[in-house]
Protein backbone atom coordinates (compact mmCIF):
# COMPACT_ATOMS: atom_id res chain seq x y z
CA UNK A 1 17.40 31.76 13.46
CA UNK A 2 19.55 31.27 16.54
CA UNK A 3 21.30 27.95 17.05
CA UNK A 4 20.59 28.16 20.80
CA UNK A 5 18.31 25.67 22.51
CA UNK A 6 14.63 26.67 22.52
CA UNK A 7 11.51 25.39 24.19
CA UNK A 8 9.90 22.82 21.92
CA UNK A 9 6.14 22.70 21.37
CA UNK A 10 5.78 19.40 19.51
CA UNK A 11 3.60 19.25 16.39
CA UNK A 12 2.47 22.88 16.56
CA UNK A 13 4.02 23.82 13.21
CA UNK A 14 5.03 20.92 10.98
CA UNK A 15 6.84 20.88 7.64
CA UNK A 16 6.66 17.93 5.25
CA UNK A 17 9.19 17.10 2.54
CA UNK A 18 8.15 14.68 -0.21
CA UNK A 19 10.99 13.21 -2.26
CA UNK A 20 11.09 12.37 -5.92
CA UNK A 21 10.69 8.84 -7.21
CA UNK A 22 7.76 8.57 -9.64
CA UNK A 23 4.57 6.89 -8.40
CA UNK A 24 6.62 5.29 -5.62
CA UNK A 25 7.01 8.78 -4.14
CA UNK A 26 3.45 9.88 -4.95
CA UNK A 27 1.67 7.11 -3.10
CA UNK A 28 4.13 6.78 -0.26
CA UNK A 29 3.41 10.50 0.31
CA UNK A 30 -0.33 9.80 0.19
CA UNK A 31 0.22 7.22 2.92
CA UNK A 32 2.10 9.76 5.04
CA UNK A 33 -0.57 12.47 4.88
CA UNK A 34 -3.40 9.96 5.36
CA UNK A 35 -1.83 8.67 8.55
CA UNK A 36 -1.12 12.16 9.89
CA UNK A 37 -4.80 12.87 9.34
CA UNK A 38 -5.69 9.73 11.27
CA UNK A 39 -3.99 10.67 14.57
CA UNK A 40 -4.56 13.67 16.83
CA UNK A 41 -2.51 15.78 19.21
CA UNK A 42 -4.05 18.39 21.51
CA UNK A 43 -7.45 17.78 19.98
CA UNK A 44 -6.59 18.20 16.31
CA UNK A 45 -5.15 15.97 13.60
CA UNK A 46 -1.42 16.12 13.03
CA UNK A 47 -2.12 16.87 9.38
CA UNK A 48 -3.91 20.09 10.31
CA UNK A 49 -0.66 21.23 11.98
CA UNK A 50 1.25 20.95 8.70
CA UNK A 51 2.10 24.53 7.72
CA UNK A 52 4.71 23.95 5.02
CA UNK A 53 5.31 21.60 2.09
CA UNK A 54 8.43 21.08 0.00
CA UNK A 55 8.24 18.49 -2.77
CA UNK A 56 10.16 17.05 -5.69
CA UNK A 57 9.19 15.13 -8.82
CA UNK A 58 6.78 12.26 -8.01
CA UNK A 59 6.19 13.75 -4.56
CA UNK A 60 4.98 16.95 -6.22
CA UNK A 61 1.95 15.15 -7.69
CA UNK A 62 0.64 14.50 -4.20
CA UNK A 63 1.84 17.82 -2.77
CA UNK A 64 0.13 19.95 -5.44
CA UNK A 65 -3.12 17.97 -5.28
CA UNK A 66 -3.26 18.10 -1.48
CA UNK A 67 -2.23 21.77 -1.24
CA UNK A 68 -4.93 22.65 -3.78
CA UNK A 69 -7.60 20.54 -2.06
CA UNK A 70 -7.00 22.21 1.33
CA UNK A 71 -7.89 25.59 -0.21
CA UNK A 72 -11.44 24.47 -1.14
CA UNK A 73 -14.33 25.65 1.04
CA UNK A 74 -15.73 22.11 1.17
CA UNK A 75 -12.38 20.44 1.90
CA UNK A 76 -12.63 17.04 3.56
CA UNK A 77 -9.57 14.84 3.73
CA UNK A 78 -11.38 11.54 3.24
CA UNK A 79 -13.05 12.89 0.11
CA UNK A 80 -9.67 14.10 -1.15
CA UNK A 81 -8.12 10.69 -0.46
CA UNK A 82 -10.81 8.83 -2.37
CA UNK A 83 -10.66 11.23 -5.31
CA UNK A 84 -6.89 11.03 -5.59
CA UNK A 85 -6.87 7.26 -5.04
CA UNK A 86 -9.55 6.63 -7.68
CA UNK A 87 -7.80 8.88 -10.19
CA UNK A 88 -4.69 6.73 -10.16
CA UNK A 89 -5.87 3.15 -9.65
CA UNK A 90 -4.41 0.96 -12.42
CA UNK A 91 -7.91 0.66 -13.87
CA UNK A 92 -8.41 4.43 -14.09
CA UNK A 93 -4.88 5.74 -14.57
CA UNK A 94 -4.61 7.19 -18.08
CA UNK A 95 -1.74 9.62 -17.50
CA UNK A 96 0.81 8.03 -19.84
CA UNK A 97 -1.79 6.98 -22.41
CA UNK A 98 -3.30 10.48 -22.60
CA UNK A 99 0.09 12.18 -22.75
CA UNK A 100 1.21 9.99 -25.68
CA UNK A 101 -2.10 10.63 -27.46
CA UNK A 102 -1.59 14.39 -27.08
CA UNK A 103 1.96 14.17 -28.37
CA UNK A 104 0.70 12.47 -31.54
CA UNK A 105 -2.32 14.75 -32.08
CA UNK A 106 -1.62 17.70 -34.41
CA UNK A 107 -4.75 19.48 -33.17
CA UNK A 108 -3.45 19.67 -29.60
CA UNK A 109 -0.40 21.67 -30.70
CA UNK A 110 -2.41 23.92 -33.00
CA UNK A 111 -4.60 24.75 -29.99
CA UNK A 112 -1.54 25.31 -27.77
CA UNK A 113 0.91 27.18 -30.01
CA UNK A 114 2.71 28.64 -26.97
CA UNK A 115 4.14 25.20 -26.16
CA UNK A 116 6.80 23.41 -28.15
CA UNK A 117 5.77 19.92 -29.20
CA UNK A 118 7.48 17.62 -26.72
CA UNK A 119 6.69 14.72 -24.42
CA UNK A 120 7.02 16.78 -21.24
CA UNK A 121 4.62 19.42 -22.57
CA UNK A 122 2.20 16.63 -23.48
CA UNK A 123 2.38 15.53 -19.83
CA UNK A 124 1.93 19.14 -18.67
CA UNK A 125 -1.25 19.52 -20.74
CA UNK A 126 -2.52 16.18 -19.43
CA UNK A 127 -1.91 17.19 -15.81
CA UNK A 128 -3.69 20.51 -16.40
CA UNK A 129 -6.84 18.69 -17.57
CA UNK A 130 -7.02 16.43 -14.52
CA UNK A 131 -9.44 17.80 -11.87
CA UNK A 132 -7.00 17.09 -9.01
CA UNK A 133 -4.35 19.28 -10.69
CA UNK A 134 -6.35 21.88 -12.61
CA UNK A 135 -5.91 25.58 -11.93
CA UNK A 136 -2.97 27.89 -11.49
CA UNK A 137 -0.55 29.07 -8.82
CA UNK A 138 -3.01 31.70 -7.62
CA UNK A 139 -4.43 28.96 -5.36
CA UNK A 140 -1.44 29.58 -3.08
CA UNK A 141 -1.36 33.36 -3.06
CA UNK A 142 0.04 34.29 0.36
CA UNK A 143 -2.79 36.53 1.51
CA UNK A 144 -5.47 33.94 0.71
CA UNK A 145 -3.86 30.56 1.47
CA UNK A 146 -5.58 28.33 4.03
CA UNK A 147 -3.82 26.12 6.62
CA UNK A 148 -0.60 25.82 4.62
CA UNK A 149 1.43 28.96 5.07
CA UNK A 150 4.19 28.03 2.65
CA UNK A 151 4.38 25.68 -0.31
CA UNK A 152 7.41 25.00 -2.48
CA UNK A 153 7.48 22.68 -5.49
CA UNK A 154 11.06 22.13 -6.60
CA UNK A 155 12.66 21.86 -10.03
CA UNK A 156 16.17 22.57 -11.38
CA UNK A 157 17.21 25.32 -13.78
CA UNK A 158 19.64 24.73 -16.62
CA UNK A 159 21.10 28.23 -16.62
CA UNK A 160 22.80 28.14 -13.22
CA UNK A 161 22.32 24.52 -12.11
CA UNK A 162 20.36 25.64 -9.04
CA UNK A 163 17.08 24.59 -7.47
CA UNK A 164 14.19 26.37 -9.21
CA UNK A 165 11.44 26.95 -6.66
CA UNK A 166 7.75 27.39 -7.46
CA UNK A 167 6.84 28.85 -4.07
CA UNK A 168 4.32 31.29 -2.63
CA UNK A 169 6.80 33.08 -0.36
CA UNK A 170 10.37 34.11 -0.98
CA UNK A 171 11.73 34.31 -4.49
CA UNK A 172 9.92 32.55 -7.32
CA UNK A 173 12.49 30.62 -9.34
CA UNK A 174 15.91 31.13 -7.84
CA UNK A 175 17.99 34.00 -6.56
CA UNK A 176 19.94 34.99 -9.70
CA UNK A 177 16.80 34.77 -11.87
CA UNK A 178 14.61 36.66 -9.39
CA UNK A 179 16.78 39.14 -7.54
CA UNK A 180 16.98 41.76 -10.31
CA UNK A 181 13.66 40.96 -11.98
CA UNK A 182 11.27 40.60 -9.05
CA UNK A 183 8.61 42.94 -10.45
CA UNK A 184 8.49 41.23 -13.86
CA UNK A 185 8.43 37.70 -12.41
CA UNK A 186 5.76 38.51 -9.80
CA UNK A 187 3.50 39.93 -12.50
CA UNK A 188 3.21 36.39 -13.96
CA UNK A 189 3.81 33.95 -11.09
CA UNK A 190 0.13 33.45 -10.21
CA UNK A 191 -0.66 32.59 -13.85
CA UNK A 192 1.63 29.55 -13.92
CA UNK A 193 -0.50 26.43 -14.44
CA UNK A 194 -0.26 23.75 -11.78
CA UNK A 195 0.09 21.20 -14.58
CA UNK A 196 3.26 22.99 -15.69
CA UNK A 197 4.55 23.09 -12.10
CA UNK A 198 4.15 19.31 -11.79
CA UNK A 199 5.73 18.71 -15.20
CA UNK A 200 8.67 20.97 -14.30
CA UNK A 201 9.28 19.16 -11.03
CA UNK A 202 9.00 15.66 -12.51
CA UNK A 203 10.68 15.78 -15.95
CA UNK A 204 13.59 13.50 -15.15
CA UNK A 205 16.71 13.52 -17.37
CA UNK A 206 16.89 11.25 -20.43
CA UNK A 207 13.19 10.34 -20.09
CA UNK A 208 12.15 13.92 -20.83
CA UNK A 209 13.48 17.15 -22.26
CA UNK A 210 13.45 20.46 -20.34
CA UNK A 211 10.52 22.85 -20.32
CA UNK A 212 11.45 26.41 -21.23
CA UNK A 213 10.52 29.31 -18.94
CA UNK A 214 8.66 31.53 -19.69
CA UNK A 215 7.96 30.30 -23.25
CA UNK A 216 6.13 27.05 -22.38
CA UNK A 217 4.32 28.41 -19.34
CA UNK A 218 2.06 31.23 -20.58
CA UNK A 219 -0.59 31.08 -23.29
CA UNK A 220 -0.68 34.78 -24.12
CA UNK A 221 2.70 35.72 -25.54
CA UNK A 222 1.29 39.11 -26.53
CA UNK A 223 0.49 40.25 -23.00
CA UNK A 224 2.56 43.19 -21.68
CA UNK A 225 3.63 41.16 -18.61
CA UNK A 226 4.97 38.32 -20.77
CA UNK A 227 6.75 40.68 -23.17
CA UNK A 228 8.36 42.55 -20.26
CA UNK A 229 9.77 39.32 -18.83
CA UNK A 230 10.73 37.78 -22.16
CA UNK A 231 12.61 40.93 -23.13
CA UNK A 232 15.02 40.66 -20.19
CA UNK A 233 18.54 39.35 -20.84
CA UNK A 234 18.15 36.37 -18.49
CA UNK A 235 14.90 35.24 -20.11
CA UNK A 236 15.21 36.30 -23.74
CA UNK A 237 16.44 32.85 -24.81
CA UNK A 238 14.39 31.03 -22.21
CA UNK A 239 15.49 29.08 -19.14
CA UNK A 240 15.53 25.29 -19.27
CA UNK A 241 13.68 23.69 -16.33
CA UNK A 242 13.92 20.02 -15.36
CA UNK A 243 13.40 17.59 -12.49
CA UNK A 244 13.95 18.93 -8.97
CA UNK A 245 15.78 15.74 -8.04
CA UNK A 246 18.82 16.84 -10.02
CA UNK A 247 19.75 19.39 -7.33
CA UNK A 248 17.86 18.10 -4.26
CA UNK A 249 15.70 14.99 -4.53
CA UNK A 250 14.31 15.34 -1.00
CA UNK A 251 13.37 19.04 -1.03
CA UNK A 252 15.46 19.53 2.12
CA UNK A 253 17.19 22.73 1.04
CA UNK A 254 13.91 24.49 0.33
CA UNK A 255 12.43 23.38 3.66
CA UNK A 256 15.49 24.71 5.48
CA UNK A 257 14.85 28.11 3.88
CA UNK A 258 11.18 27.91 4.83
CA UNK A 259 12.20 27.11 8.39
CA UNK A 260 14.36 30.24 8.51
CA UNK A 261 11.52 32.40 7.16
CA UNK A 262 9.03 31.22 9.78
CA UNK A 263 10.17 33.30 12.73
CA UNK A 264 10.68 30.77 15.52
CA UNK A 265 10.90 28.05 12.91
CA UNK A 266 9.08 24.77 12.55
CA UNK A 267 8.58 22.46 15.50
CA UNK A 268 9.07 19.42 13.30
CA UNK A 269 10.39 18.76 9.80
CA UNK A 270 9.47 15.34 8.44
CA UNK A 271 11.42 14.22 5.38
CA UNK A 272 9.57 11.45 3.56
CA UNK A 273 12.00 9.76 1.23
CA UNK A 274 11.61 6.93 -1.28
CA UNK A 275 15.17 7.37 -2.53
CA UNK A 276 17.50 4.55 -1.69
CA UNK A 277 21.08 3.96 -0.66
CA UNK A 278 21.00 0.97 -3.03
CA UNK A 279 22.26 0.97 -6.58
CA UNK A 280 22.93 -1.72 -9.12
CA UNK A 281 26.72 -2.02 -9.36
CA UNK A 282 28.02 -1.06 -12.79
CA UNK A 283 29.04 -4.07 -14.86
CA UNK A 284 31.52 -3.87 -17.69
CA UNK A 285 30.72 -5.28 -21.12
CA UNK A 286 32.38 -8.70 -21.23
CA UNK A 287 31.56 -9.57 -24.85
CA UNK A 288 34.47 -11.10 -26.73
CA UNK A 289 36.47 -9.11 -29.25
CA UNK A 290 36.18 -10.74 -32.65
CA UNK A 291 38.15 -10.34 -35.83
CA UNK A 292 35.42 -8.99 -38.04
CA UNK A 293 36.00 -5.62 -39.66
CA UNK A 294 37.74 -2.41 -38.72
CA UNK A 295 35.80 0.81 -38.25
CA UNK A 296 37.34 2.18 -41.44
CA UNK A 297 36.22 -0.88 -43.44
CA UNK A 298 32.65 -0.72 -42.15
CA UNK A 299 32.37 3.03 -42.77
CA UNK A 300 33.73 2.66 -46.29
CA UNK A 301 31.26 -0.12 -47.06
CA UNK A 302 28.38 2.06 -45.89
CA UNK A 303 29.60 5.10 -47.83
CA UNK A 304 29.81 3.03 -51.03
CA UNK A 305 26.01 2.99 -51.15
CA UNK A 306 25.91 6.79 -51.29
CA UNK A 307 27.35 7.23 -54.79
CA UNK A 308 26.52 6.64 -58.48
CA UNK A 309 27.34 3.02 -59.33
CA UNK A 310 28.09 1.72 -62.87
CA UNK A 311 25.15 -0.68 -62.46
CA UNK A 312 22.76 2.29 -62.32
CA UNK A 313 24.07 3.60 -65.68
CA UNK A 314 23.92 0.12 -67.22
CA UNK A 315 20.26 -0.30 -66.17
CA UNK A 316 19.45 3.11 -67.65
CA UNK A 317 21.20 2.23 -70.95
CA UNK A 318 19.49 -1.17 -71.20
CA UNK A 319 16.08 0.44 -70.86
CA UNK A 320 16.93 3.14 -73.40
CA UNK A 321 18.28 0.60 -75.92
CA UNK A 322 15.21 -1.57 -75.52
CA UNK A 323 12.90 1.34 -76.36
CA UNK A 324 15.06 2.56 -79.26
CA UNK A 325 15.54 -0.88 -80.84
CA UNK A 326 11.84 -1.70 -80.44
CA UNK A 327 10.91 1.55 -82.23
CA UNK A 328 13.23 0.47 -85.10
CA UNK A 329 11.24 -2.80 -85.36
CA UNK A 330 14.34 -4.92 -84.76
CA UNK A 331 12.34 -7.42 -82.68
CA UNK A 332 9.64 -8.01 -85.30
CA UNK A 333 7.66 -6.59 -88.18
CA UNK A 334 6.33 -3.84 -85.96
CA UNK A 335 7.08 -2.29 -82.53
CA UNK A 336 5.60 -4.17 -79.57
CA UNK A 337 3.63 -2.19 -76.92
CA UNK A 338 4.78 -4.57 -74.19
CA UNK A 339 8.44 -3.86 -74.97
CA UNK A 340 7.80 -0.11 -74.74
CA UNK A 341 6.26 -0.63 -71.31
CA UNK A 342 9.12 -2.89 -70.15
CA UNK A 343 11.73 -0.50 -71.49
CA UNK A 344 10.08 2.49 -69.84
CA UNK A 345 10.00 0.67 -66.51
CA UNK A 346 13.71 -0.18 -66.80
CA UNK A 347 14.54 3.43 -67.78
CA UNK A 348 12.52 4.75 -64.82
CA UNK A 349 14.23 2.37 -62.42
CA UNK A 350 17.67 3.24 -63.75
CA UNK A 351 16.92 6.96 -63.70
CA UNK A 352 15.64 6.74 -60.12
CA UNK A 353 18.77 4.92 -58.95
CA UNK A 354 21.03 7.37 -60.79
CA UNK A 355 19.28 10.44 -59.31
CA UNK A 356 19.37 8.83 -55.87
CA UNK A 357 23.08 8.12 -56.24
CA UNK A 358 23.77 11.65 -57.43
CA UNK A 359 21.81 13.31 -54.59
CA UNK A 360 23.27 10.91 -52.00
CA UNK A 361 26.76 11.61 -53.29
CA UNK A 362 26.27 15.36 -52.94
CA UNK A 363 24.82 14.96 -49.44
CA UNK A 364 27.63 12.59 -48.46
CA UNK A 365 30.27 15.03 -49.65
CA UNK A 366 28.60 17.90 -47.78
CA UNK A 367 28.11 15.93 -44.55
CA UNK A 368 31.61 14.46 -44.56
CA UNK A 369 33.09 17.89 -45.20
CA UNK A 370 31.13 19.35 -42.29
CA UNK A 371 32.09 16.50 -39.99
CA UNK A 372 35.76 16.90 -40.88
CA UNK A 373 35.59 20.62 -40.12
CA UNK A 374 33.88 19.97 -36.77
CA UNK A 375 36.38 17.23 -36.00
CA UNK A 376 39.39 19.42 -36.73
CA UNK A 377 37.88 22.34 -34.83
CA UNK A 378 37.10 20.38 -31.63
CA UNK A 379 39.91 17.82 -31.44
CA UNK A 380 43.26 19.26 -30.28
CA UNK A 381 45.94 18.87 -32.96
CA UNK A 382 48.28 16.79 -30.74
CA UNK A 383 45.47 14.21 -30.38
CA UNK A 384 44.51 14.00 -34.05
CA UNK A 385 46.83 11.12 -34.88
CA UNK A 386 45.75 9.16 -31.78
CA UNK A 387 42.05 9.65 -32.53
CA UNK A 388 42.47 8.70 -36.20
CA UNK A 389 44.13 5.43 -35.24
CA UNK A 390 40.74 4.31 -33.82
CA UNK A 391 39.61 3.67 -37.39
CA UNK A 392 41.99 0.71 -37.44
CA UNK A 393 40.33 -0.91 -34.42
CA UNK A 394 37.98 -3.86 -34.74
CA UNK A 395 34.32 -2.84 -34.80
CA UNK A 396 33.47 -5.18 -31.88
CA UNK A 397 36.10 -3.44 -29.74
CA UNK A 398 34.64 -0.01 -30.61
CA UNK A 399 31.19 -1.34 -29.72
CA UNK A 400 32.40 -2.51 -26.31
CA UNK A 401 34.19 0.78 -25.65
CA UNK A 402 31.05 2.76 -26.49
CA UNK A 403 28.84 0.45 -24.39
CA UNK A 404 31.07 0.83 -21.33
CA UNK A 405 31.11 4.61 -21.70
CA UNK A 406 27.35 4.88 -22.16
CA UNK A 407 26.41 2.55 -19.29
CA UNK A 408 28.91 4.09 -16.88
CA UNK A 409 27.70 7.60 -17.80
CA UNK A 410 24.08 6.58 -17.17
CA UNK A 411 25.06 5.05 -13.82
CA UNK A 412 26.86 8.26 -12.90
CA UNK A 413 23.86 10.46 -13.79
CA UNK A 414 21.05 8.31 -12.39
CA UNK A 415 22.77 6.72 -9.39
CA UNK A 416 26.15 8.04 -8.30
CA UNK A 417 25.38 11.73 -8.77
CA UNK A 418 21.90 11.60 -7.19
CA UNK A 419 23.14 9.59 -4.22
CA UNK A 420 25.98 12.03 -3.60
CA UNK A 421 23.49 14.92 -3.67
CA UNK A 422 21.27 12.98 -1.29
CA UNK A 423 24.13 12.52 1.18
CA UNK A 424 25.11 16.18 0.99
CA UNK A 425 21.57 17.35 1.67
CA UNK A 426 21.16 14.99 4.61
CA UNK A 427 24.52 16.15 5.97
CA UNK A 428 23.16 19.70 5.82
CA UNK A 429 19.91 18.65 7.47
CA UNK A 430 21.50 16.77 10.36
CA UNK A 431 24.35 19.21 10.94
CA UNK A 432 21.99 21.98 12.11
CA UNK A 433 22.01 21.91 15.90
CA UNK A 434 18.89 24.12 15.97
CA UNK A 435 16.96 21.24 14.39
CA UNK A 436 17.83 18.73 17.08
CA UNK A 437 14.59 17.05 18.22
CA UNK A 438 12.80 18.81 15.36
CA UNK A 439 13.38 16.34 12.53
CA UNK A 440 12.23 12.94 11.35
CA UNK A 441 13.31 11.01 8.28
CA UNK A 442 10.80 8.41 7.13
CA UNK A 443 12.27 6.20 4.39
CA UNK A 444 10.28 3.74 2.31
CA UNK A 445 12.76 0.93 3.03
CA UNK A 446 13.08 1.44 6.83
CA UNK A 447 10.77 -1.45 7.75
CA UNK A 448 11.34 -3.87 4.85
CA UNK A 449 13.40 -6.29 6.93
CA UNK A 450 16.52 -6.01 4.78
CA UNK A 451 19.95 -5.35 6.24
CA UNK A 452 21.88 -2.48 4.67
CA UNK A 453 25.58 -2.17 3.79
CA UNK A 454 25.77 0.75 6.23
CA UNK A 455 24.52 -0.88 9.43
CA UNK A 456 24.51 -4.27 11.09
CA UNK A 457 21.10 -5.74 11.77
CA UNK A 458 17.83 -4.03 10.92
CA UNK A 459 18.28 -1.08 13.31
CA UNK A 460 14.76 -1.19 14.76
CA UNK A 461 13.99 0.57 18.05
CA UNK A 462 13.75 -2.26 20.58
CA UNK A 463 11.44 -0.20 22.78
CA UNK A 464 8.73 -0.26 20.09
CA UNK A 465 6.57 -3.33 20.51
CA UNK A 466 5.77 -5.51 18.72
CA UNK A 467 8.72 -6.08 16.45
CA UNK A 468 7.71 -5.50 12.79
CA UNK A 469 5.77 -8.56 11.68
CA UNK A 470 6.64 -10.64 8.63
CA UNK A 471 3.53 -9.43 6.81
CA UNK A 472 4.36 -5.78 7.52
CA UNK A 473 7.96 -6.26 6.37
CA UNK A 474 6.72 -8.00 3.23
CA UNK A 475 4.46 -5.06 2.35
CA UNK A 476 7.32 -2.63 2.99
CA UNK A 477 9.66 -4.68 0.78
CA UNK A 478 7.13 -4.76 -2.07
CA UNK A 479 6.66 -0.99 -1.75
CA UNK A 480 10.39 -0.22 -1.61
CA UNK A 481 11.07 -2.27 -4.75
CA UNK A 482 8.58 -0.31 -6.87
CA UNK A 483 10.30 1.10 -9.99
CA UNK A 484 10.60 4.86 -10.54
CA UNK A 485 7.88 5.28 -13.17
CA UNK A 486 4.76 7.37 -13.78
CA UNK A 487 2.61 4.41 -14.75
CA UNK A 488 1.64 0.97 -13.44
CA UNK A 489 2.94 -2.08 -15.30
CA UNK A 490 1.61 -5.63 -15.02
CA UNK A 491 4.06 -6.49 -12.23
CA UNK A 492 2.94 -3.44 -10.22
CA UNK A 493 -0.68 -4.48 -10.65
CA UNK A 494 0.02 -8.10 -9.72
CA UNK A 495 1.86 -7.03 -6.56
CA UNK A 496 -0.78 -4.41 -5.66
CA UNK A 497 1.98 -1.84 -5.37
CA UNK A 498 -0.28 1.20 -5.27
CA UNK A 499 -1.92 0.08 -2.03
CA UNK A 500 1.29 -1.33 -0.55
CA UNK A 501 2.97 2.05 -1.07
CA UNK A 502 0.14 3.89 0.68
CA UNK A 503 0.18 1.37 3.53
CA UNK A 504 3.97 1.61 3.78
CA UNK A 505 3.71 5.39 4.15
CA UNK A 506 1.07 4.95 6.86
CA UNK A 507 2.82 2.41 9.07
CA UNK A 508 6.26 3.99 8.54
CA UNK A 509 4.85 7.35 9.71
CA UNK A 510 3.34 5.59 12.72
CA UNK A 511 6.65 3.91 13.57
CA UNK A 512 8.74 7.07 13.12
CA UNK A 513 6.39 9.15 15.27
CA UNK A 514 6.66 6.56 18.05
CA UNK A 515 10.45 6.56 17.72
CA UNK A 516 10.47 10.37 17.77
CA UNK A 517 8.43 10.56 20.98
CA UNK A 518 10.66 7.97 22.65
CA UNK A 519 13.73 10.02 21.73
CA UNK A 520 12.15 13.18 23.18
CA UNK A 521 11.39 11.40 26.44
CA UNK A 522 14.84 9.90 26.59
CA UNK A 523 16.64 13.25 26.35
CA UNK A 524 16.05 15.51 29.35
CA UNK A 525 17.35 18.42 27.27
CA UNK A 526 14.76 17.96 24.52
CA UNK A 527 13.02 21.22 25.40
CA UNK A 528 9.65 19.54 26.04
CA UNK A 529 8.17 20.50 29.40
CA UNK A 530 4.89 18.54 29.38
CA UNK A 531 4.64 14.95 28.16
CA UNK A 532 0.98 14.36 29.06
CA UNK A 533 -0.34 14.96 25.54
CA UNK A 534 2.62 13.16 24.01
CA UNK A 535 1.83 10.10 26.13
CA UNK A 536 -1.76 10.15 24.84
CA UNK A 537 -0.50 10.37 21.29
CA UNK A 538 1.93 7.53 21.88
CA UNK A 539 -0.87 5.30 23.17
CA UNK A 540 -2.87 5.99 19.99
CA UNK A 541 0.18 5.33 17.84
CA UNK A 542 0.93 2.10 19.69
CA UNK A 543 -2.63 0.89 19.15
CA UNK A 544 -2.36 1.60 15.42
CA UNK A 545 1.07 0.00 15.26
CA UNK A 546 -0.31 -3.25 16.64
CA UNK A 547 -3.11 -3.10 14.07
CA UNK A 548 -0.63 -2.51 11.26
CA UNK A 549 1.38 -5.55 12.31
CA UNK A 550 -1.73 -7.72 12.16
CA UNK A 551 -3.11 -6.22 8.94
CA UNK A 552 -0.76 -3.75 7.19
CA UNK A 553 -3.47 -2.51 4.79
CA UNK A 554 -6.25 -1.91 7.33
CA UNK A 555 -6.18 1.90 7.06
CA UNK A 556 -6.06 1.83 3.26
CA UNK A 557 -9.16 -0.36 3.26
CA UNK A 558 -10.90 2.01 5.65
CA UNK A 559 -10.16 5.10 3.54
CA UNK A 560 -10.60 4.01 -0.06
């Protein structure tokens, strides 16, 4: 698409991005779509102008459910809202409980032999049974899809480290996995269960293991279509699929591709993001180094238990002697039954310990030999002496060294890496001159009243009246502090976080739309020729904004 300036028709074709972030993302996204449904432009709701969705992880729960609901002949947004809301209230939410129950139930895996037994597959089967998520990707077949022209639910592949896109247009998967195998992939794409799509998009690292495509995704491994795909070099060993947030936690890259595919492009891309610039600073382990035992001493003490000890032989001999001497009537005029029983018990105990020691000794020798071979094979020879000197270090020092490495690695994976990816994707998004006046970023923390390390003050638009009220900022703060989980804990329930997240999405969307219109009016080169309808929309937004400042949850109460 050309980078040249074009005439802008606001809100004609809208694209929504829903970020990852567990339930925080899911219900913030529900707030966004519910508010877009609540306001109209040119006689129709803004939500009805949404033609494209791109979602990640927790945002995919809402995106899949909404995209599926729109396809129904009896679709009504308020009914959808109530159904989705009631499914996940803390009282009704059984997602985690049901997934754990499936993981522990042998029958579930006998009935689903195509899936490996894992926590993420337990979640996938649970999603598939929920009415809001049931069905397969055929719901979004291009020639039949209603209202939404393009949907893309994002994951990450572990063969190339690229975004893996479950989408109804363009390639299904990613370019290297699709380009040469289009026919084989397309033969199966519509059979992918929506529950598996959600699980793929939301299986975050460490918490879950990857799903394997196509192995975990199709029940009939004997079908010709499955065998054709599975027999290809790229798929013969399966492709690991995990959380979309690994490569792009906002779904921006996929929406940019959608924008390029849509001819004149989208009139507005709205990125709805519950990710945060904040992170807990890494703290080193400050525990004191004691003078306890060296690594070598501790290991040797442990290994001593895995051998035959003289005590075991002594116990065995005592029991044997007791039985033999009793049979010779050395303890009385005749053998005693009780002594036979006692002797047999001692023999059994001694024999058990001896066999255990013998087996443990063999296993120890085998394991140590294997570890030594692996060690010598993987550690460069010049470093061998340096590595071996670690065995002389105090065990408390080794513990601290391991703790610092583990905690810093987790911080890198879950914070540093994701935040760098977030910055890169936003740099891409805001560097495109063709998207000027065609983009909004609505963050969950925008209105929480907290100053950020990156700007002085709270950076509110002074032209928007009234200033965010204390009650509105309090709701936004509660919402923005919600943990990244797929369940509600007691703190979430006590703070009513489900409803505060929905409300935060609603009033943040209202605020950002007002700010967007003000920016269009401010720039005479915005490409908008007629502001009459925009002024009407602004008046409606302003009315709602005042209501939100008085009662932040008023729209949630009206919809639920």
